[in-house]
Amino acid sequence: MEIEKIIADETKRITELVGKSFLDCEDIIRLTGLGRENALRLMHSHAFPTRVVGRRRIVSVAAFVLWEVTNGK
């Protein structure tokens, strides 16, 4: 299976699961199984593709899936 198809399928699955196209810290905790402190550390990492909106950090589902595929779990 092509990597693009895998990424597209996983993006669709997660979007349907969480019901939105951007993830916050709580979503990252739920999807990865990380604890709150580690999820926050990840979201503040320069290697993780977050955007700052007001005082919140979010990541698009597509960027999260791409990061997950290229960086492993």
PDB file of N, CA and C in Angstrom:
ATOM      1  N   MET A   1       0.852  -1.188   0.000  1.00  0.00           N
ATOM      2  CA  MET A   1       0.000   0.000   0.000  1.00  0.00           C
ATOM      3  C   MET A   1       0.893   1.246   0.000  1.00  0.00           C
ATOM      4  N   GLU A   2       0.542   2.222  -0.765  1.00  0.00           N
ATOM      5  CA  GLU A   2       1.344   3.437  -0.853  1.00  0.00           C
ATOM      6  C   GLU A   2       1.237   4.242   0.438  1.00  0.00           C
ATOM      7  N   ILE A   3       2.319   4.902   0.776  1.00  0.00           N
ATOM      8  CA  ILE A   3       2.349   5.700   1.999  1.00  0.00           C
ATOM      9  C   ILE A   3       1.310   6.817   1.980  1.00  0.00           C
ATOM     10  N   GLU A   4       1.078   7.401   0.814  1.00  0.00           N
ATOM     11  CA  GLU A   4       0.074   8.471   0.708  1.00  0.00           C
ATOM     12  C   GLU A   4      -1.316   7.960   1.059  1.00  0.00           C
ATOM     13  N   LYS A   5      -1.632   6.750   0.636  1.00  0.00           N
ATOM     14  CA  LYS A   5      -2.936   6.140   0.939  1.00  0.00           C
ATOM     15  C   LYS A   5      -3.046   5.849   2.428  1.00  0.00           C
ATOM     16  N   ILE A   6      -1.978   5.354   3.015  1.00  0.00           N
ATOM     17  CA  ILE A   6      -1.974   5.081   4.455  1.00  0.00           C
ATOM     18  C   ILE A   6      -2.211   6.369   5.232  1.00  0.00           C
ATOM     19  N   ILE A   7      -1.511   7.433   4.854  1.00  0.00           N
ATOM     20  CA  ILE A   7      -1.663   8.720   5.535  1.00  0.00           C
ATOM     21  C   ILE A   7      -3.084   9.251   5.351  1.00  0.00           C
ATOM     22  N   ALA A   8      -3.619   9.170   4.141  1.00  0.00           N
ATOM     23  CA  ALA A   8      -4.981   9.657   3.884  1.00  0.00           C
ATOM     24  C   ALA A   8      -6.006   8.865   4.683  1.00  0.00           C
ATOM     25  N   ASP A   9      -5.867   7.560   4.728  1.00  0.00           N
ATOM     26  CA  ASP A   9      -6.807   6.722   5.469  1.00  0.00           C
ATOM     27  C   ASP A   9      -6.738   7.004   6.972  1.00  0.00           C
ATOM     28  N   GLU A  10      -5.538   7.125   7.489  1.00  0.00           N
ATOM     29  CA  GLU A  10      -5.370   7.388   8.924  1.00  0.00           C
ATOM     30  C   GLU A  10      -5.872   8.782   9.284  1.00  0.00           C
ATOM     31  N   THR A  11      -5.647   9.760   8.418  1.00  0.00           N
ATOM     32  CA  THR A  11      -6.155  11.111   8.650  1.00  0.00           C
ATOM     33  C   THR A  11      -7.677  11.093   8.707  1.00  0.00           C
ATOM     34  N   LYS A  12      -8.293  10.394   7.785  1.00  0.00           N
ATOM     35  CA  LYS A  12      -9.757  10.286   7.768  1.00  0.00           C
ATOM     36  C   LYS A  12     -10.261   9.588   9.028  1.00  0.00           C
ATOM     37  N   ARG A  13      -9.613   8.513   9.424  1.00  0.00           N
ATOM     38  CA  ARG A  13     -10.033   7.748  10.606  1.00  0.00           C
ATOM     39  C   ARG A  13      -9.977   8.601  11.864  1.00  0.00           C
ATOM     40  N   ILE A  14      -8.870   9.314  12.061  1.00  0.00           N
ATOM     41  CA  ILE A  14      -8.719  10.137  13.261  1.00  0.00           C
ATOM     42  C   ILE A  14      -9.689  11.313  13.238  1.00  0.00           C
ATOM     43  N   THR A  15      -9.865  11.936  12.083  1.00  0.00           N
ATOM     44  CA  THR A  15     -10.815  13.052  11.972  1.00  0.00           C
ATOM     45  C   THR A  15     -12.217  12.599  12.361  1.00  0.00           C
ATOM     46  N   GLU A  16     -12.621  11.439  11.894  1.00  0.00           N
ATOM     47  CA  GLU A  16     -13.936  10.910  12.249  1.00  0.00           C
ATOM     48  C   GLU A  16     -14.008  10.535  13.721  1.00  0.00           C
ATOM     49  N   LEU A  17     -12.927  10.009  14.260  1.00  0.00           N
ATOM     50  CA  LEU A  17     -12.887   9.599  15.665  1.00  0.00           C
ATOM     51  C   LEU A  17     -13.050  10.785  16.606  1.00  0.00           C
ATOM     52  N   VAL A  18     -12.305  11.863  16.353  1.00  0.00           N
ATOM     53  CA  VAL A  18     -12.345  13.023  17.260  1.00  0.00           C
ATOM     54  C   VAL A  18     -13.386  14.056  16.850  1.00  0.00           C
ATOM     55  N   GLY A  19     -13.867  13.987  15.623  1.00  0.00           N
ATOM     56  CA  GLY A  19     -14.909  14.897  15.165  1.00  0.00           C
ATOM     57  C   GLY A  19     -14.438  16.303  14.872  1.00  0.00           C
ATOM     58  N   LYS A  20     -13.164  16.455  14.597  1.00  0.00           N
ATOM     59  CA  LYS A  20     -12.609  17.768  14.247  1.00  0.00           C
ATOM     60  C   LYS A  20     -11.323  17.565  13.467  1.00  0.00           C
ATOM     61  N   SER A  21     -10.847  18.632  12.824  1.00  0.00           N
ATOM     62  CA  SER A  21      -9.654  18.487  11.985  1.00  0.00           C
ATOM     63  C   SER A  21      -8.374  18.968  12.662  1.00  0.00           C
ATOM     64  N   PHE A  22      -8.489  19.509  13.880  1.00  0.00           N
ATOM     65  CA  PHE A  22      -7.320  19.904  14.656  1.00  0.00           C
ATOM     66  C   PHE A  22      -7.360  19.220  16.005  1.00  0.00           C
ATOM     67  N   LEU A  23      -6.181  18.874  16.514  1.00  0.00           N
ATOM     68  CA  LEU A  23      -6.069  18.170  17.783  1.00  0.00           C
ATOM     69  C   LEU A  23      -5.479  19.088  18.841  1.00  0.00           C
ATOM     70  N   ASP A  24      -5.980  18.951  20.065  1.00  0.00           N
ATOM     71  CA  ASP A  24      -5.386  19.678  21.186  1.00  0.00           C
ATOM     72  C   ASP A  24      -4.671  18.667  22.084  1.00  0.00           C
ATOM     73  N   CYS A  25      -4.193  19.117  23.211  1.00  0.00           N
ATOM     74  CA  CYS A  25      -3.419  18.255  24.103  1.00  0.00           C
ATOM     75  C   CYS A  25      -4.228  17.044  24.554  1.00  0.00           C
ATOM     76  N   GLU A  26      -5.492  17.241  24.888  1.00  0.00           N
ATOM     77  CA  GLU A  26      -6.337  16.124  25.334  1.00  0.00           C
ATOM     78  C   GLU A  26      -6.472  15.063  24.248  1.00  0.00           C
ATOM     79  N   ASP A  27      -6.590  15.486  23.012  1.00  0.00           N
ATOM     80  CA  ASP A  27      -6.675  14.540  21.895  1.00  0.00           C
ATOM     81  C   ASP A  27      -5.371  13.765  21.735  1.00  0.00           C
ATOM     82  N   ILE A  28      -4.262  14.458  21.871  1.00  0.00           N
ATOM     83  CA  ILE A  28      -2.952  13.804  21.758  1.00  0.00           C
ATOM     84  C   ILE A  28      -2.792  12.759  22.855  1.00  0.00           C
ATOM     85  N   ILE A  29      -3.217  13.094  24.056  1.00  0.00           N
ATOM     86  CA  ILE A  29      -3.162  12.139  25.167  1.00  0.00           C
ATOM     87  C   ILE A  29      -3.979  10.897  24.817  1.00  0.00           C
ATOM     88  N   ARG A  30      -5.187  11.105  24.338  1.00  0.00           N
ATOM     89  CA  ARG A  30      -6.091  10.005  24.003  1.00  0.00           C
ATOM     90  C   ARG A  30      -5.554   9.143  22.857  1.00  0.00           C
ATOM     91  N   LEU A  31      -4.995   9.772  21.847  1.00  0.00           N
ATOM     92  CA  LEU A  31      -4.525   9.032  20.673  1.00  0.00           C
ATOM     93  C   LEU A  31      -3.206   8.305  20.895  1.00  0.00           C
ATOM     94  N   THR A  32      -2.324   8.900  21.688  1.00  0.00           N
ATOM     95  CA  THR A  32      -0.995   8.316  21.857  1.00  0.00           C
ATOM     96  C   THR A  32      -0.828   7.493  23.127  1.00  0.00           C
ATOM     97  N   GLY A  33      -1.673   7.756  24.124  1.00  0.00           N
ATOM     98  CA  GLY A  33      -1.510   7.079  25.405  1.00  0.00           C
ATOM     99  C   GLY A  33      -0.452   7.724  26.288  1.00  0.00           C
ATOM    100  N   LEU A  34       0.063   8.875  25.858  1.00  0.00           N
ATOM    101  CA  LEU A  34       1.043   9.596  26.665  1.00  0.00           C
ATOM    102  C   LEU A  34       0.361  10.206  27.878  1.00  0.00           C
ATOM    103  N   GLY A  35       1.144  10.433  28.926  1.00  0.00           N
ATOM    104  CA  GLY A  35       0.644  11.171  30.071  1.00  0.00           C
ATOM    105  C   GLY A  35       0.594  12.655  29.722  1.00  0.00           C
ATOM    106  N   ARG A  36      -0.097  13.427  30.560  1.00  0.00           N
ATOM    107  CA  ARG A  36      -0.268  14.858  30.300  1.00  0.00           C
ATOM    108  C   ARG A  36       1.071  15.581  30.171  1.00  0.00           C
ATOM    109  N   GLU A  37       1.997  15.321  31.068  1.00  0.00           N
ATOM    110  CA  GLU A  37       3.290  16.018  31.031  1.00  0.00           C
ATOM    111  C   GLU A  37       4.058  15.709  29.747  1.00  0.00           C
ATOM    112  N   ASN A  38       4.071  14.448  29.341  1.00  0.00           N
ATOM    113  CA  ASN A  38       4.772  14.080  28.111  1.00  0.00           C
ATOM    114  C   ASN A  38       4.074  14.623  26.878  1.00  0.00           C
ATOM    115  N   ALA A  39       2.747  14.651  26.893  1.00  0.00           N
ATOM    116  CA  ALA A  39       2.005  15.222  25.753  1.00  0.00           C
ATOM    117  C   ALA A  39       2.290  16.712  25.634  1.00  0.00           C
ATOM    118  N   LEU A  40       2.320  17.415  26.754  1.00  0.00           N
ATOM    119  CA  LEU A  40       2.648  18.843  26.725  1.00  0.00           C
ATOM    120  C   LEU A  40       4.075  19.067  26.241  1.00  0.00           C
ATOM    121  N   ARG A  41       4.980  18.243  26.704  1.00  0.00           N
ATOM    122  CA  ARG A  41       6.376  18.344  26.261  1.00  0.00           C
ATOM    123  C   ARG A  41       6.469  18.128  24.749  1.00  0.00           C
ATOM    124  N   LEU A  42       5.737  17.127  24.240  1.00  0.00           N
ATOM    125  CA  LEU A  42       5.715  16.861  22.799  1.00  0.00           C
ATOM    126  C   LEU A  42       5.163  18.063  22.044  1.00  0.00           C
ATOM    127  N   MET A  43       4.069  18.620  22.528  1.00  0.00           N
ATOM    128  CA  MET A  43       3.437  19.736  21.825  1.00  0.00           C
ATOM    129  C   MET A  43       4.285  21.008  21.844  1.00  0.00           C
ATOM    130  N   HIS A  44       5.224  21.095  22.757  1.00  0.00           N
ATOM    131  CA  HIS A  44       6.126  22.246  22.801  1.00  0.00           C
ATOM    132  C   HIS A  44       7.458  21.968  22.103  1.00  0.00           C
ATOM    133  N   SER A  45       7.616  20.744  21.604  1.00  0.00           N
ATOM    134  CA  SER A  45       8.834  20.362  20.905  1.00  0.00           C
ATOM    135  C   SER A  45       8.873  21.036  19.534  1.00  0.00           C
ATOM    136  N   HIS A  46      10.050  21.469  19.132  1.00  0.00           N
ATOM    137  CA  HIS A  46      10.202  22.095  17.810  1.00  0.00           C
ATOM    138  C   HIS A  46       9.989  21.091  16.681  1.00  0.00           C
ATOM    139  N   ALA A  47      10.153  19.809  16.962  1.00  0.00           N
ATOM    140  CA  ALA A  47       9.988  18.777  15.937  1.00  0.00           C
ATOM    141  C   ALA A  47       8.523  18.408  15.716  1.00  0.00           C
ATOM    142  N   PHE A  48       7.637  18.857  16.602  1.00  0.00           N
ATOM    143  CA  PHE A  48       6.218  18.520  16.489  1.00  0.00           C
ATOM    144  C   PHE A  48       5.485  19.680  15.827  1.00  0.00           C
ATOM    145  N   PRO A  49       4.648  19.408  14.821  1.00  0.00           N
ATOM    146  CA  PRO A  49       4.067  20.463  13.975  1.00  0.00           C
ATOM    147  C   PRO A  49       2.838  21.190  14.562  1.00  0.00           C
ATOM    148  N   THR A  50       3.035  21.888  15.663  1.00  0.00           N
ATOM    149  CA  THR A  50       1.905  22.596  16.275  1.00  0.00           C
ATOM    150  C   THR A  50       1.784  24.014  15.736  1.00  0.00           C
ATOM    151  N   ARG A  51       0.609  24.570  15.951  1.00  0.00           N
ATOM    152  CA  ARG A  51       0.335  25.987  15.681  1.00  0.00           C
ATOM    153  C   ARG A  51      -0.183  26.578  16.970  1.00  0.00           C
ATOM    154  N   VAL A  52       0.127  27.828  17.210  1.00  0.00           N
ATOM    155  CA  VAL A  52      -0.367  28.509  18.396  1.00  0.00           C
ATOM    156  C   VAL A  52      -1.568  29.359  17.994  1.00  0.00           C
ATOM    157  N   VAL A  53      -2.674  29.139  18.688  1.00  0.00           N
ATOM    158  CA  VAL A  53      -3.897  29.899  18.470  1.00  0.00           C
ATOM    159  C   VAL A  53      -4.278  30.479  19.826  1.00  0.00           C
ATOM    160  N   GLY A  54      -4.087  31.775  19.957  1.00  0.00           N
ATOM    161  CA  GLY A  54      -4.286  32.385  21.277  1.00  0.00           C
ATOM    162  C   GLY A  54      -3.251  31.830  22.231  1.00  0.00           C
ATOM    163  N   ARG A  55      -3.728  31.202  23.280  1.00  0.00           N
ATOM    164  CA  ARG A  55      -2.816  30.578  24.248  1.00  0.00           C
ATOM    165  C   ARG A  55      -2.757  29.068  24.091  1.00  0.00           C
ATOM    166  N   ARG A  56      -3.441  28.554  23.080  1.00  0.00           N
ATOM    167  CA  ARG A  56      -3.516  27.108  22.872  1.00  0.00           C
ATOM    168  C   ARG A  56      -2.585  26.653  21.763  1.00  0.00           C
ATOM    169  N   ARG A  57      -2.094  25.442  21.904  1.00  0.00           N
ATOM    170  CA  ARG A  57      -1.325  24.792  20.850  1.00  0.00           C
ATOM    171  C   ARG A  57      -2.193  23.700  20.263  1.00  0.00           C
ATOM    172  N   ILE A  58      -2.257  23.682  18.935  1.00  0.00           N
ATOM    173  CA  ILE A  58      -3.024  22.660  18.242  1.00  0.00           C
ATOM    174  C   ILE A  58      -2.180  22.112  17.093  1.00  0.00           C
ATOM    175  N   VAL A  59      -2.587  20.965  16.604  1.00  0.00           N
ATOM    176  CA  VAL A  59      -1.913  20.350  15.457  1.00  0.00           C
ATOM    177  C   VAL A  59      -3.008  19.811  14.541  1.00  0.00           C
ATOM    178  N   SER A  60      -2.852  20.005  13.248  1.00  0.00           N
ATOM    179  CA  SER A  60      -3.840  19.457  12.317  1.00  0.00           C
ATOM    180  C   SER A  60      -3.716  17.932  12.323  1.00  0.00           C
ATOM    181  N   VAL A  61      -4.820  17.276  12.080  1.00  0.00           N
ATOM    182  CA  VAL A  61      -4.809  15.813  12.045  1.00  0.00           C
ATOM    183  C   VAL A  61      -3.831  15.333  10.966  1.00  0.00           C
ATOM    184  N   ALA A  62      -3.842  15.972   9.813  1.00  0.00           N
ATOM    185  CA  ALA A  62      -2.939  15.565   8.726  1.00  0.00           C
ATOM    186  C   ALA A  62      -1.474  15.707   9.136  1.00  0.00           C
ATOM    187  N   ALA A  63      -1.128  16.823   9.785  1.00  0.00           N
ATOM    188  CA  ALA A  63       0.258  17.028  10.227  1.00  0.00           C
ATOM    189  C   ALA A  63       0.641  16.015  11.301  1.00  0.00           C
ATOM    190  N   PHE A  64      -0.306  15.705  12.202  1.00  0.00           N
ATOM    191  CA  PHE A  64      -0.052  14.712  13.244  1.00  0.00           C
ATOM    192  C   PHE A  64       0.219  13.344  12.631  1.00  0.00           C
ATOM    193  N   VAL A  65      -0.612  12.934  11.670  1.00  0.00           N
ATOM    194  CA  VAL A  65      -0.439  11.630  11.030  1.00  0.00           C
ATOM    195  C   VAL A  65       0.891  11.578  10.285  1.00  0.00           C
ATOM    196  N   LEU A  66       1.228  12.610   9.559  1.00  0.00           N
ATOM    197  CA  LEU A  66       2.510  12.661   8.848  1.00  0.00           C
ATOM    198  C   LEU A  66       3.674  12.565   9.828  1.00  0.00           C
ATOM    199  N   TRP A  67       3.580  13.295  10.937  1.00  0.00           N
ATOM    200  CA  TRP A  67       4.619  13.237  11.975  1.00  0.00           C
ATOM    201  C   TRP A  67       4.700  11.829  12.537  1.00  0.00           C
ATOM    202  N   GLU A  68       3.546  11.239  12.803  1.00  0.00           N
ATOM    203  CA  GLU A  68       3.501   9.901  13.381  1.00  0.00           C
ATOM    204  C   GLU A  68       4.142   8.874  12.454  1.00  0.00           C
ATOM    205  N   VAL A  69       3.857   8.980  11.160  1.00  0.00           N
ATOM    206  CA  VAL A  69       4.406   8.039  10.177  1.00  0.00           C
ATOM    207  C   VAL A  69       5.915   8.220  10.035  1.00  0.00           C
ATOM    208  N   THR A  70       6.378   9.459  10.027  1.00  0.00           N
ATOM    209  CA  THR A  70       7.812   9.704   9.798  1.00  0.00           C
ATOM    210  C   THR A  70       8.656   9.567  11.069  1.00  0.00           C
ATOM    211  N   ASN A  71       8.025   9.724  12.237  1.00  0.00           N
ATOM    212  CA  ASN A  71       8.786   9.657  13.493  1.00  0.00           C
ATOM    213  C   ASN A  71       8.486   8.444  14.341  1.00  0.00           C
ATOM    214  N   GLY A  72       7.538   7.634  13.928  1.00  0.00           N
ATOM    215  CA  GLY A  72       7.180   6.458  14.699  1.00  0.00           C
ATOM    216  C   GLY A  72       6.441   6.811  15.965  1.00  0.00           C
ATOM    217  N   LYS A  73       5.994   5.814  16.671  1.00  0.00           N
ATOM    218  CA  LYS A  73       5.245   6.009  17.929  1.00  0.00           C
ATOM    219  C   LYS A  73       6.138   5.793  19.100  1.00  0.00           C
TER     220      LYS A  73
END
